[in-house]
Amino acid sequence: MAADADELQGEVAAVVFCNPDSGFGVVELSAPGEEHDGARATGPLAALVPGQSVRLVGRWVESERYGPTFEALAYEQAPPRSADGLVAFLASDRFPGSARSARAGSSPRSG
């Protein structure tokens, strides 16, 4: 990555658009208490799901239509930022079978 690249961390609040064929996606990030809470990010983000915590690397651009937008070059998984985010991430299509338990607020019991 370029030395002058910016970073943006947060939890995916919403997937606005995704094209699995090209990998391009648009997401809105939640980062309560941070300067860029509610920021919109674009780039190779089609695999992201709501609740997923990420660190994006890229740069800020000014979109005529959408205002300040983070143009991501890459992302990496980050530790969950909240319990609600973890539940939303586990309830996503990434974890078939766990969605029902996560949405219900229960967890499998061992024993």
PDB file of N, CA and C in Angstrom:
ATOM      1  N   MET A   1       0.831  -1.180   0.000  1.00  0.00           N
ATOM      2  CA  MET A   1       0.000   0.000   0.000  1.00  0.00           C
ATOM      3  C   MET A   1       0.879   1.248   0.000  1.00  0.00           C
ATOM      4  N   ALA A   2       0.333   2.307  -0.524  1.00  0.00           N
ATOM      5  CA  ALA A   2       1.061   3.566  -0.559  1.00  0.00           C
ATOM      6  C   ALA A   2       1.226   4.114   0.854  1.00  0.00           C
ATOM      7  N   ALA A   3       2.367   4.771   1.081  1.00  0.00           N
ATOM      8  CA  ALA A   3       2.651   5.306   2.411  1.00  0.00           C
ATOM      9  C   ALA A   3       1.643   6.378   2.821  1.00  0.00           C
ATOM     10  N   ASP A   4       1.050   7.059   1.861  1.00  0.00           N
ATOM     11  CA  ASP A   4       0.113   8.135   2.177  1.00  0.00           C
ATOM     12  C   ASP A   4      -1.344   7.674   2.192  1.00  0.00           C
ATOM     13  N   ALA A   5      -1.577   6.358   2.228  1.00  0.00           N
ATOM     14  CA  ALA A   5      -2.942   5.834   2.254  1.00  0.00           C
ATOM     15  C   ALA A   5      -3.581   6.110   3.612  1.00  0.00           C
ATOM     16  N   ASP A   6      -4.883   6.368   3.596  1.00  0.00           N
ATOM     17  CA  ASP A   6      -5.658   6.574   4.816  1.00  0.00           C
ATOM     18  C   ASP A   6      -6.221   5.234   5.282  1.00  0.00           C
ATOM     19  N   GLU A   7      -6.613   5.192   6.557  1.00  0.00           N
ATOM     20  CA  GLU A   7      -7.275   4.014   7.107  1.00  0.00           C
ATOM     21  C   GLU A   7      -8.620   4.424   7.685  1.00  0.00           C
ATOM     22  N   LEU A   8      -9.562   3.523   7.599  1.00  0.00           N
ATOM     23  CA  LEU A   8     -10.887   3.740   8.165  1.00  0.00           C
ATOM     24  C   LEU A   8     -11.322   2.437   8.811  1.00  0.00           C
ATOM     25  N   GLN A   9     -11.689   2.500  10.084  1.00  0.00           N
ATOM     26  CA  GLN A   9     -12.136   1.307  10.792  1.00  0.00           C
ATOM     27  C   GLN A   9     -13.581   1.477  11.227  1.00  0.00           C
ATOM     28  N   GLY A  10     -14.307   0.382  11.214  1.00  0.00           N
ATOM     29  CA  GLY A  10     -15.679   0.427  11.669  1.00  0.00           C
ATOM     30  C   GLY A  10     -16.369  -0.904  11.464  1.00  0.00           C
ATOM     31  N   GLU A  11     -17.645  -0.880  11.727  1.00  0.00           N
ATOM     32  CA  GLU A  11     -18.495  -2.049  11.577  1.00  0.00           C
ATOM     33  C   GLU A  11     -19.427  -1.785  10.397  1.00  0.00           C
ATOM     34  N   VAL A  12     -19.592  -2.763   9.536  1.00  0.00           N
ATOM     35  CA  VAL A  12     -20.482  -2.589   8.393  1.00  0.00           C
ATOM     36  C   VAL A  12     -21.910  -2.446   8.921  1.00  0.00           C
ATOM     37  N   ALA A  13     -22.472  -1.262   8.751  1.00  0.00           N
ATOM     38  CA  ALA A  13     -23.842  -0.999   9.198  1.00  0.00           C
ATOM     39  C   ALA A  13     -24.840  -1.424   8.131  1.00  0.00           C
ATOM     40  N   ALA A  14     -24.455  -1.239   6.863  1.00  0.00           N
ATOM     41  CA  ALA A  14     -25.353  -1.590   5.761  1.00  0.00           C
ATOM     42  C   ALA A  14     -24.542  -1.840   4.505  1.00  0.00           C
ATOM     43  N   VAL A  15     -25.012  -2.787   3.716  1.00  0.00           N
ATOM     44  CA  VAL A  15     -24.464  -3.002   2.378  1.00  0.00           C
ATOM     45  C   VAL A  15     -25.405  -2.285   1.434  1.00  0.00           C
ATOM     46  N   VAL A  16     -24.926  -1.218   0.828  1.00  0.00           N
ATOM     47  CA  VAL A  16     -25.745  -0.397  -0.057  1.00  0.00           C
ATOM     48  C   VAL A  16     -25.837  -1.018  -1.439  1.00  0.00           C
ATOM     49  N   PHE A  17     -24.715  -1.587  -1.896  1.00  0.00           N
ATOM     50  CA  PHE A  17     -24.647  -2.199  -3.227  1.00  0.00           C
ATOM     51  C   PHE A  17     -23.527  -3.222  -3.222  1.00  0.00           C
ATOM     52  N   CYS A  18     -23.729  -4.326  -3.925  1.00  0.00           N
ATOM     53  CA  CYS A  18     -22.621  -5.263  -4.135  1.00  0.00           C
ATOM     54  C   CYS A  18     -22.799  -5.985  -5.456  1.00  0.00           C
ATOM     55  N   ASN A  19     -21.689  -6.177  -6.136  1.00  0.00           N
ATOM     56  CA  ASN A  19     -21.648  -6.927  -7.381  1.00  0.00           C
ATOM     57  C   ASN A  19     -20.666  -8.073  -7.177  1.00  0.00           C
ATOM     58  N   PRO A  20     -21.166  -9.266  -6.855  1.00  0.00           N
ATOM     59  CA  PRO A  20     -20.273 -10.395  -6.591  1.00  0.00           C
ATOM     60  C   PRO A  20     -19.387 -10.751  -7.785  1.00  0.00           C
ATOM     61  N   ASP A  21     -19.863 -10.476  -8.998  1.00  0.00           N
ATOM     62  CA  ASP A  21     -19.071 -10.804 -10.183  1.00  0.00           C
ATOM     63  C   ASP A  21     -17.811  -9.952 -10.296  1.00  0.00           C
ATOM     64  N   SER A  22     -17.940  -8.668 -10.001  1.00  0.00           N
ATOM     65  CA  SER A  22     -16.789  -7.775 -10.106  1.00  0.00           C
ATOM     66  C   SER A  22     -16.078  -7.585  -8.760  1.00  0.00           C
ATOM     67  N   GLY A  23     -16.775  -7.892  -7.656  1.00  0.00           N
ATOM     68  CA  GLY A  23     -16.201  -7.687  -6.336  1.00  0.00           C
ATOM     69  C   GLY A  23     -16.427  -6.289  -5.795  1.00  0.00           C
ATOM     70  N   PHE A  24     -17.036  -5.411  -6.593  1.00  0.00           N
ATOM     71  CA  PHE A  24     -17.257  -4.027  -6.174  1.00  0.00           C
ATOM     72  C   PHE A  24     -18.437  -3.957  -5.216  1.00  0.00           C
ATOM     73  N   GLY A  25     -18.267  -3.145  -4.174  1.00  0.00           N
ATOM     74  CA  GLY A  25     -19.344  -2.958  -3.222  1.00  0.00           C
ATOM     75  C   GLY A  25     -19.335  -1.567  -2.629  1.00  0.00           C
ATOM     76  N   VAL A  26     -20.483  -1.183  -2.091  1.00  0.00           N
ATOM     77  CA  VAL A  26     -20.640   0.092  -1.384  1.00  0.00           C
ATOM     78  C   VAL A  26     -21.240  -0.251  -0.033  1.00  0.00           C
ATOM     79  N   VAL A  27     -20.577   0.210   1.037  1.00  0.00           N
ATOM     80  CA  VAL A  27     -21.055  -0.062   2.385  1.00  0.00           C
ATOM     81  C   VAL A  27     -21.090   1.226   3.194  1.00  0.00           C
ATOM     82  N   GLU A  28     -21.897   1.214   4.232  1.00  0.00           N
ATOM     83  CA  GLU A  28     -21.893   2.292   5.210  1.00  0.00           C
ATOM     84  C   GLU A  28     -21.333   1.708   6.496  1.00  0.00           C
ATOM     85  N   LEU A  29     -20.428   2.449   7.128  1.00  0.00           N
ATOM     86  CA  LEU A  29     -19.769   1.975   8.334  1.00  0.00           C
ATOM     87  C   LEU A  29     -20.287   2.684   9.571  1.00  0.00           C
ATOM     88  N   SER A  30     -20.367   1.943  10.645  1.00  0.00           N
ATOM     89  CA  SER A  30     -20.726   2.494  11.939  1.00  0.00           C
ATOM     90  C   SER A  30     -19.470   2.508  12.795  1.00  0.00           C
ATOM     91  N   ALA A  31     -19.198   3.655  13.379  1.00  0.00           N
ATOM     92  CA  ALA A  31     -18.065   3.804  14.294  1.00  0.00           C
ATOM     93  C   ALA A  31     -18.466   4.845  15.339  1.00  0.00           C
ATOM     94  N   PRO A  32     -19.390   4.481  16.252  1.00  0.00           N
ATOM     95  CA  PRO A  32     -19.888   5.443  17.236  1.00  0.00           C
ATOM     96  C   PRO A  32     -18.758   6.161  17.971  1.00  0.00           C
ATOM     97  N   GLY A  33     -18.911   7.465  18.074  1.00  0.00           N
ATOM     98  CA  GLY A  33     -17.917   8.270  18.757  1.00  0.00           C
ATOM     99  C   GLY A  33     -16.723   8.649  17.909  1.00  0.00           C
ATOM    100  N   GLU A  34     -16.635   8.119  16.717  1.00  0.00           N
ATOM    101  CA  GLU A  34     -15.520   8.405  15.816  1.00  0.00           C
ATOM    102  C   GLU A  34     -15.932   9.513  14.843  1.00  0.00           C
ATOM    103  N   GLU A  35     -14.952  10.185  14.306  1.00  0.00           N
ATOM    104  CA  GLU A  35     -15.199  11.284  13.362  1.00  0.00           C
ATOM    105  C   GLU A  35     -15.966  10.834  12.120  1.00  0.00           C
ATOM    106  N   HIS A  36     -15.705   9.619  11.675  1.00  0.00           N
ATOM    107  CA  HIS A  36     -16.300   9.166  10.410  1.00  0.00           C
ATOM    108  C   HIS A  36     -17.439   8.170  10.608  1.00  0.00           C
ATOM    109  N   ASP A  37     -18.169   8.275  11.713  1.00  0.00           N
ATOM    110  CA  ASP A  37     -19.326   7.412  11.938  1.00  0.00           C
ATOM    111  C   ASP A  37     -20.335   7.646  10.811  1.00  0.00           C
ATOM    112  N   GLY A  38     -20.812   6.588  10.202  1.00  0.00           N
ATOM    113  CA  GLY A  38     -21.769   6.697   9.108  1.00  0.00           C
ATOM    114  C   GLY A  38     -21.129   6.901   7.753  1.00  0.00           C
ATOM    115  N   ALA A  39     -19.804   6.764   7.674  1.00  0.00           N
ATOM    116  CA  ALA A  39     -19.096   6.981   6.403  1.00  0.00           C
ATOM    117  C   ALA A  39     -19.499   5.951   5.359  1.00  0.00           C
ATOM    118  N   ARG A  40     -19.488   6.380   4.117  1.00  0.00           N
ATOM    119  CA  ARG A  40     -19.762   5.509   2.983  1.00  0.00           C
ATOM    120  C   ARG A  40     -18.419   5.132   2.367  1.00  0.00           C
ATOM    121  N   ALA A  41     -18.249   3.840   2.053  1.00  0.00           N
ATOM    122  CA  ALA A  41     -17.011   3.359   1.452  1.00  0.00           C
ATOM    123  C   ALA A  41     -17.336   2.564   0.196  1.00  0.00           C
ATOM    124  N   THR A  42     -16.455   2.678  -0.790  1.00  0.00           N
ATOM    125  CA  THR A  42     -16.601   1.949  -2.049  1.00  0.00           C
ATOM    126  C   THR A  42     -15.313   1.191  -2.329  1.00  0.00           C
ATOM    127  N   GLY A  43     -15.405   0.195  -3.194  1.00  0.00           N
ATOM    128  CA  GLY A  43     -14.202  -0.532  -3.591  1.00  0.00           C
ATOM    129  C   GLY A  43     -14.458  -2.025  -3.633  1.00  0.00           C
ATOM    130  N   PRO A  44     -13.398  -2.826  -3.479  1.00  0.00           N
ATOM    131  CA  PRO A  44     -13.539  -4.292  -3.547  1.00  0.00           C
ATOM    132  C   PRO A  44     -14.149  -4.833  -2.249  1.00  0.00           C
ATOM    133  N   LEU A  45     -15.392  -4.451  -1.997  1.00  0.00           N
ATOM    134  CA  LEU A  45     -16.043  -4.713  -0.713  1.00  0.00           C
ATOM    135  C   LEU A  45     -17.284  -5.591  -0.825  1.00  0.00           C
ATOM    136  N   ALA A  46     -17.493  -6.234  -1.966  1.00  0.00           N
ATOM    137  CA  ALA A  46     -18.722  -7.001  -2.196  1.00  0.00           C
ATOM    138  C   ALA A  46     -18.889  -8.169  -1.228  1.00  0.00           C
ATOM    139  N   ALA A  47     -17.811  -8.642  -0.631  1.00  0.00           N
ATOM    140  CA  ALA A  47     -17.906  -9.794   0.271  1.00  0.00           C
ATOM    141  C   ALA A  47     -18.280  -9.397   1.700  1.00  0.00           C
ATOM    142  N   LEU A  48     -18.340  -8.100   1.992  1.00  0.00           N
ATOM    143  CA  LEU A  48     -18.646  -7.662   3.351  1.00  0.00           C
ATOM    144  C   LEU A  48     -20.120  -7.862   3.677  1.00  0.00           C
ATOM    145  N   VAL A  49     -20.393  -8.092   4.965  1.00  0.00           N
ATOM    146  CA  VAL A  49     -21.762  -8.304   5.428  1.00  0.00           C
ATOM    147  C   VAL A  49     -22.022  -7.414   6.649  1.00  0.00           C
ATOM    148  N   PRO A  50     -23.278  -7.048   6.898  1.00  0.00           N
ATOM    149  CA  PRO A  50     -23.598  -6.240   8.071  1.00  0.00           C
ATOM    150  C   PRO A  50     -23.087  -6.899   9.353  1.00  0.00           C
ATOM    151  N   GLY A  51     -22.549  -6.061  10.230  1.00  0.00           N
ATOM    152  CA  GLY A  51     -22.014  -6.540  11.497  1.00  0.00           C
ATOM    153  C   GLY A  51     -20.536  -6.864  11.459  1.00  0.00           C
ATOM    154  N   GLN A  52     -19.980  -6.987  10.255  1.00  0.00           N
ATOM    155  CA  GLN A  52     -18.570  -7.330  10.119  1.00  0.00           C
ATOM    156  C   GLN A  52     -17.693  -6.118  10.454  1.00  0.00           C
ATOM    157  N   SER A  53     -16.709  -6.319  11.298  1.00  0.00           N
ATOM    158  CA  SER A  53     -15.764  -5.253  11.641  1.00  0.00           C
ATOM    159  C   SER A  53     -14.585  -5.316  10.684  1.00  0.00           C
ATOM    160  N   VAL A  54     -14.225  -4.163  10.136  1.00  0.00           N
ATOM    161  CA  VAL A  54     -13.169  -4.119   9.130  1.00  0.00           C
ATOM    162  C   VAL A  54     -12.256  -2.915   9.326  1.00  0.00           C
ATOM    163  N   ARG A  55     -11.072  -3.034   8.751  1.00  0.00           N
ATOM    164  CA  ARG A  55     -10.135  -1.918   8.623  1.00  0.00           C
ATOM    165  C   ARG A  55      -9.908  -1.752   7.136  1.00  0.00           C
ATOM    166  N   LEU A  56     -10.292  -0.579   6.616  1.00  0.00           N
ATOM    167  CA  LEU A  56     -10.136  -0.289   5.199  1.00  0.00           C
ATOM    168  C   LEU A  56      -8.894   0.559   4.976  1.00  0.00           C
ATOM    169  N   VAL A  57      -8.242   0.351   3.857  1.00  0.00           N
ATOM    170  CA  VAL A  57      -7.090   1.151   3.461  1.00  0.00           C
ATOM    171  C   VAL A  57      -7.428   1.763   2.113  1.00  0.00           C
ATOM    172  N   GLY A  58      -7.242   3.081   1.988  1.00  0.00           N
ATOM    173  CA  GLY A  58      -7.574   3.760   0.730  1.00  0.00           C
ATOM    174  C   GLY A  58      -7.393   5.250   0.867  1.00  0.00           C
ATOM    175  N   ARG A  59      -8.345   5.992   0.291  1.00  0.00           N
ATOM    176  CA  ARG A  59      -8.262   7.454   0.352  1.00  0.00           C
ATOM    177  C   ARG A  59      -9.652   8.050   0.320  1.00  0.00           C
ATOM    178  N   TRP A  60      -9.748   9.266   0.849  1.00  0.00           N
ATOM    179  CA  TRP A  60     -11.000  10.002   0.829  1.00  0.00           C
ATOM    180  C   TRP A  60     -11.130  10.736  -0.495  1.00  0.00           C
ATOM    181  N   VAL A  61     -12.320  10.669  -1.090  1.00  0.00           N
ATOM    182  CA  VAL A  61     -12.630  11.426  -2.302  1.00  0.00           C
ATOM    183  C   VAL A  61     -13.931  12.179  -2.063  1.00  0.00           C
ATOM    184  N   GLU A  62     -14.166  13.194  -2.846  1.00  0.00           N
ATOM    185  CA  GLU A  62     -15.403  13.966  -2.751  1.00  0.00           C
ATOM    186  C   GLU A  62     -16.284  13.605  -3.943  1.00  0.00           C
ATOM    187  N   SER A  63     -17.384  12.921  -3.669  1.00  0.00           N
ATOM    188  CA  SER A  63     -18.336  12.549  -4.710  1.00  0.00           C
ATOM    189  C   SER A  63     -19.334  13.689  -4.890  1.00  0.00           C
ATOM    190  N   GLU A  64     -19.582  14.072  -6.117  1.00  0.00           N
ATOM    191  CA  GLU A  64     -20.567  15.127  -6.373  1.00  0.00           C
ATOM    192  C   GLU A  64     -21.945  14.727  -5.853  1.00  0.00           C
ATOM    193  N   ARG A  65     -22.260  13.448  -5.980  1.00  0.00           N
ATOM    194  CA  ARG A  65     -23.586  12.975  -5.597  1.00  0.00           C
ATOM    195  C   ARG A  65     -23.703  12.592  -4.123  1.00  0.00           C
ATOM    196  N   TYR A  66     -22.632  11.973  -3.568  1.00  0.00           N
ATOM    197  CA  TYR A  66     -22.726  11.419  -2.217  1.00  0.00           C
ATOM    198  C   TYR A  66     -21.858  12.124  -1.181  1.00  0.00           C
ATOM    199  N   GLY A  67     -21.078  13.104  -1.587  1.00  0.00           N
ATOM    200  CA  GLY A  67     -20.215  13.805  -0.644  1.00  0.00           C
ATOM    201  C   GLY A  67     -18.967  13.005  -0.320  1.00  0.00           C
ATOM    202  N   PRO A  68     -18.402  13.190   0.886  1.00  0.00           N
ATOM    203  CA  PRO A  68     -17.168  12.490   1.242  1.00  0.00           C
ATOM    204  C   PRO A  68     -17.371  10.978   1.205  1.00  0.00           C
ATOM    205  N   THR A  69     -16.524  10.306   0.474  1.00  0.00           N
ATOM    206  CA  THR A  69     -16.607   8.854   0.301  1.00  0.00           C
ATOM    207  C   THR A  69     -15.217   8.266   0.436  1.00  0.00           C
ATOM    208  N   PHE A  70     -15.117   7.161   1.171  1.00  0.00           N
ATOM    209  CA  PHE A  70     -13.831   6.488   1.311  1.00  0.00           C
ATOM    210  C   PHE A  70     -13.683   5.488   0.180  1.00  0.00           C
ATOM    211  N   GLU A  71     -12.670   5.677  -0.641  1.00  0.00           N
ATOM    212  CA  GLU A  71     -12.392   4.793  -1.781  1.00  0.00           C
ATOM    213  C   GLU A  71     -11.369   3.764  -1.318  1.00  0.00           C
ATOM    214  N   ALA A  72     -11.844   2.575  -0.982  1.00  0.00           N
ATOM    215  CA  ALA A  72     -10.982   1.534  -0.418  1.00  0.00           C
ATOM    216  C   ALA A  72     -10.206   0.811  -1.509  1.00  0.00           C
ATOM    217  N   LEU A  73      -8.951   0.546  -1.206  1.00  0.00           N
ATOM    218  CA  LEU A  73      -8.111  -0.284  -2.076  1.00  0.00           C
ATOM    219  C   LEU A  73      -8.120  -1.721  -1.584  1.00  0.00           C
ATOM    220  N   ALA A  74      -8.252  -1.881  -0.263  1.00  0.00           N
ATOM    221  CA  ALA A  74      -8.230  -3.203   0.354  1.00  0.00           C
ATOM    222  C   ALA A  74      -8.874  -3.111   1.730  1.00  0.00           C
ATOM    223  N   TYR A  75      -9.186  -4.272   2.304  1.00  0.00           N
ATOM    224  CA  TYR A  75      -9.712  -4.313   3.668  1.00  0.00           C
ATOM    225  C   TYR A  75      -9.192  -5.550   4.355  1.00  0.00           C
ATOM    226  N   GLU A  76      -9.257  -5.527   5.676  1.00  0.00           N
ATOM    227  CA  GLU A  76      -8.952  -6.722   6.458  1.00  0.00           C
ATOM    228  C   GLU A  76      -9.959  -6.833   7.588  1.00  0.00           C
ATOM    229  N   GLN A  77     -10.212  -8.058   7.988  1.00  0.00           N
ATOM    230  CA  GLN A  77     -11.118  -8.330   9.101  1.00  0.00           C
ATOM    231  C   GLN A  77     -10.528  -7.731  10.365  1.00  0.00           C
ATOM    232  N   ALA A  78     -11.370  -7.158  11.203  1.00  0.00           N
ATOM    233  CA  ALA A  78     -10.949  -6.604  12.484  1.00  0.00           C
ATOM    234  C   ALA A  78     -11.787  -7.257  13.584  1.00  0.00           C
ATOM    235  N   PRO A  79     -11.334  -7.198  14.831  1.00  0.00           N
ATOM    236  CA  PRO A  79     -12.134  -7.775  15.919  1.00  0.00           C
ATOM    237  C   PRO A  79     -13.489  -7.069  16.026  1.00  0.00           C
ATOM    238  N   PRO A  80     -14.541  -7.793  16.428  1.00  0.00           N
ATOM    239  CA  PRO A  80     -15.864  -7.178  16.575  1.00  0.00           C
ATOM    240  C   PRO A  80     -15.814  -5.962  17.489  1.00  0.00           C
ATOM    241  N   ARG A  81     -16.578  -4.927  17.132  1.00  0.00           N
ATOM    242  CA  ARG A  81     -16.601  -3.688  17.913  1.00  0.00           C
ATOM    243  C   ARG A  81     -17.747  -3.665  18.915  1.00  0.00           C
ATOM    244  N   SER A  82     -18.746  -4.533  18.724  1.00  0.00           N
ATOM    245  CA  SER A  82     -19.887  -4.541  19.642  1.00  0.00           C
ATOM    246  C   SER A  82     -20.537  -5.917  19.650  1.00  0.00           C
ATOM    247  N   ALA A  83     -21.283  -6.194  20.698  1.00  0.00           N
ATOM    248  CA  ALA A  83     -22.016  -7.459  20.786  1.00  0.00           C
ATOM    249  C   ALA A  83     -23.070  -7.535  19.684  1.00  0.00           C
ATOM    250  N   ASP A  84     -23.759  -6.418  19.414  1.00  0.00           N
ATOM    251  CA  ASP A  84     -24.773  -6.402  18.357  1.00  0.00           C
ATOM    252  C   ASP A  84     -24.133  -6.687  17.001  1.00  0.00           C
ATOM    253  N   GLY A  85     -22.956  -6.132  16.771  1.00  0.00           N
ATOM    254  CA  GLY A  85     -22.250  -6.371  15.514  1.00  0.00           C
ATOM    255  C   GLY A  85     -21.855  -7.823  15.368  1.00  0.00           C
ATOM    256  N   LEU A  86     -21.398  -8.423  16.454  1.00  0.00           N
ATOM    257  CA  LEU A  86     -21.027  -9.832  16.413  1.00  0.00           C
ATOM    258  C   LEU A  86     -22.238 -10.699  16.097  1.00  0.00           C
ATOM    259  N   VAL A  87     -23.367 -10.414  16.733  1.00  0.00           N
ATOM    260  CA  VAL A  87     -24.589 -11.179  16.475  1.00  0.00           C
ATOM    261  C   VAL A  87     -25.022 -11.017  15.015  1.00  0.00           C
ATOM    262  N   ALA A  88     -24.988  -9.786  14.486  1.00  0.00           N
ATOM    263  CA  ALA A  88     -25.372  -9.557  13.084  1.00  0.00           C
ATOM    264  C   ALA A  88     -24.434 -10.299  12.136  1.00  0.00           C
ATOM    265  N   PHE A  89     -23.152 -10.291  12.434  1.00  0.00           N
ATOM    266  CA  PHE A  89     -22.175 -10.977  11.582  1.00  0.00           C
ATOM    267  C   PHE A  89     -22.423 -12.484  11.608  1.00  0.00           C
ATOM    268  N   LEU A  90     -22.633 -13.054  12.800  1.00  0.00           N
ATOM    269  CA  LEU A  90     -22.879 -14.494  12.905  1.00  0.00           C
ATOM    270  C   LEU A  90     -24.217 -14.901  12.294  1.00  0.00           C
ATOM    271  N   ALA A  91     -25.159 -13.962  12.235  1.00  0.00           N
ATOM    272  CA  ALA A  91     -26.470 -14.247  11.637  1.00  0.00           C
ATOM    273  C   ALA A  91     -26.455 -14.094  10.121  1.00  0.00           C
ATOM    274  N   SER A  92     -25.328 -13.679   9.556  1.00  0.00           N
ATOM    275  CA  SER A  92     -25.240 -13.473   8.111  1.00  0.00           C
ATOM    276  C   SER A  92     -25.179 -14.809   7.367  1.00  0.00           C
ATOM    277  N   ASP A  93     -25.242 -14.734   6.067  1.00  0.00           N
ATOM    278  CA  ASP A  93     -25.185 -15.926   5.216  1.00  0.00           C
ATOM    279  C   ASP A  93     -23.838 -16.634   5.284  1.00  0.00           C
ATOM    280  N   ARG A  94     -22.859 -16.009   5.899  1.00  0.00           N
ATOM    281  CA  ARG A  94     -21.533 -16.626   6.017  1.00  0.00           C
ATOM    282  C   ARG A  94     -21.541 -17.851   6.921  1.00  0.00           C
ATOM    283  N   PHE A  95     -22.521 -17.940   7.812  1.00  0.00           N
ATOM    284  CA  PHE A  95     -22.564 -19.008   8.791  1.00  0.00           C
ATOM    285  C   PHE A  95     -23.915 -19.714   8.734  1.00  0.00           C
ATOM    286  N   PRO A  96     -24.141 -20.524   7.699  1.00  0.00           N
ATOM    287  CA  PRO A  96     -25.424 -21.209   7.572  1.00  0.00           C
ATOM    288  C   PRO A  96     -25.724 -22.037   8.830  1.00  0.00           C
ATOM    289  N   GLY A  97     -26.950 -21.964   9.271  1.00  0.00           N
ATOM    290  CA  GLY A  97     -27.364 -22.731  10.435  1.00  0.00           C
ATOM    291  C   GLY A  97     -27.237 -21.974  11.743  1.00  0.00           C
ATOM    292  N   SER A  98     -26.347 -20.996  11.794  1.00  0.00           N
ATOM    293  CA  SER A  98     -26.203 -20.247  13.038  1.00  0.00           C
ATOM    294  C   SER A  98     -27.104 -19.023  13.054  1.00  0.00           C
ATOM    295  N   ALA A  99     -27.661 -18.683  11.914  1.00  0.00           N
ATOM    296  CA  ALA A  99     -28.469 -17.461  11.809  1.00  0.00           C
ATOM    297  C   ALA A  99     -29.665 -17.492  12.750  1.00  0.00           C
ATOM    298  N   ARG A 100     -30.364 -18.600  12.802  1.00  0.00           N
ATOM    299  CA  ARG A 100     -31.557 -18.686  13.644  1.00  0.00           C
ATOM    300  C   ARG A 100     -31.184 -18.495  15.117  1.00  0.00           C
ATOM    301  N   SER A 101     -30.129 -19.147  15.577  1.00  0.00           N
ATOM    302  CA  SER A 101     -29.698 -19.015  16.976  1.00  0.00           C
ATOM    303  C   SER A 101     -29.237 -17.601  17.274  1.00  0.00           C
ATOM    304  N   ALA A 102     -28.487 -16.999  16.367  1.00  0.00           N
ATOM    305  CA  ALA A 102     -27.969 -15.656  16.590  1.00  0.00           C
ATOM    306  C   ALA A 102     -29.106 -14.634  16.647  1.00  0.00           C
ATOM    307  N   ARG A 103     -30.072 -14.759  15.740  1.00  0.00           N
ATOM    308  CA  ARG A 103     -31.183 -13.825  15.739  1.00  0.00           C
ATOM    309  C   ARG A 103     -32.034 -13.973  16.994  1.00  0.00           C
ATOM    310  N   ALA A 104     -32.137 -15.172  17.508  1.00  0.00           N
ATOM    311  CA  ALA A 104     -32.940 -15.418  18.698  1.00  0.00           C
ATOM    312  C   ALA A 104     -32.207 -15.013  19.979  1.00  0.00           C
ATOM    313  N   GLY A 105     -30.916 -14.727  19.835  1.00  0.00           N
ATOM    314  CA  GLY A 105     -30.149 -14.329  21.008  1.00  0.00           C
ATOM    315  C   GLY A 105     -29.714 -15.498  21.858  1.00  0.00           C
ATOM    316  N   SER A 106     -29.794 -16.712  21.289  1.00  0.00           N
ATOM    317  CA  SER A 106     -29.380 -17.876  22.044  1.00  0.00           C
ATOM    318  C   SER A 106     -28.100 -18.445  21.469  1.00  0.00           C
ATOM    319  N   SER A 107     -27.492 -19.296  22.221  1.00  0.00           N
ATOM    320  CA  SER A 107     -26.294 -19.965  21.749  1.00  0.00           C
ATOM    321  C   SER A 107     -26.411 -21.440  22.071  1.00  0.00           C
ATOM    322  N   PRO A 108     -25.739 -22.263  21.260  1.00  0.00           N
ATOM    323  CA  PRO A 108     -25.802 -23.695  21.549  1.00  0.00           C
ATOM    324  C   PRO A 108     -25.201 -23.980  22.920  1.00  0.00           C
ATOM    325  N   ARG A 109     -25.806 -24.887  23.627  1.00  0.00           N
ATOM    326  CA  ARG A 109     -25.284 -25.253  24.954  1.00  0.00           C
ATOM    327  C   ARG A 109     -24.586 -26.603  24.851  1.00  0.00           C
ATOM    328  N   SER A 110     -23.490 -26.690  25.543  1.00  0.00           N
ATOM    329  CA  SER A 110     -22.786 -27.975  25.552  1.00  0.00           C
ATOM    330  C   SER A 110     -23.211 -28.754  26.777  1.00  0.00           C
ATOM    331  N   GLY A 111     -23.069 -30.053  26.666  1.00  0.00           N
ATOM    332  CA  GLY A 111     -23.342 -30.666  27.836  1.00  0.00           C
ATOM    333  C   GLY A 111     -23.879 -31.844  28.230  1.00  0.00           C
TER     334      GLY A 111
END
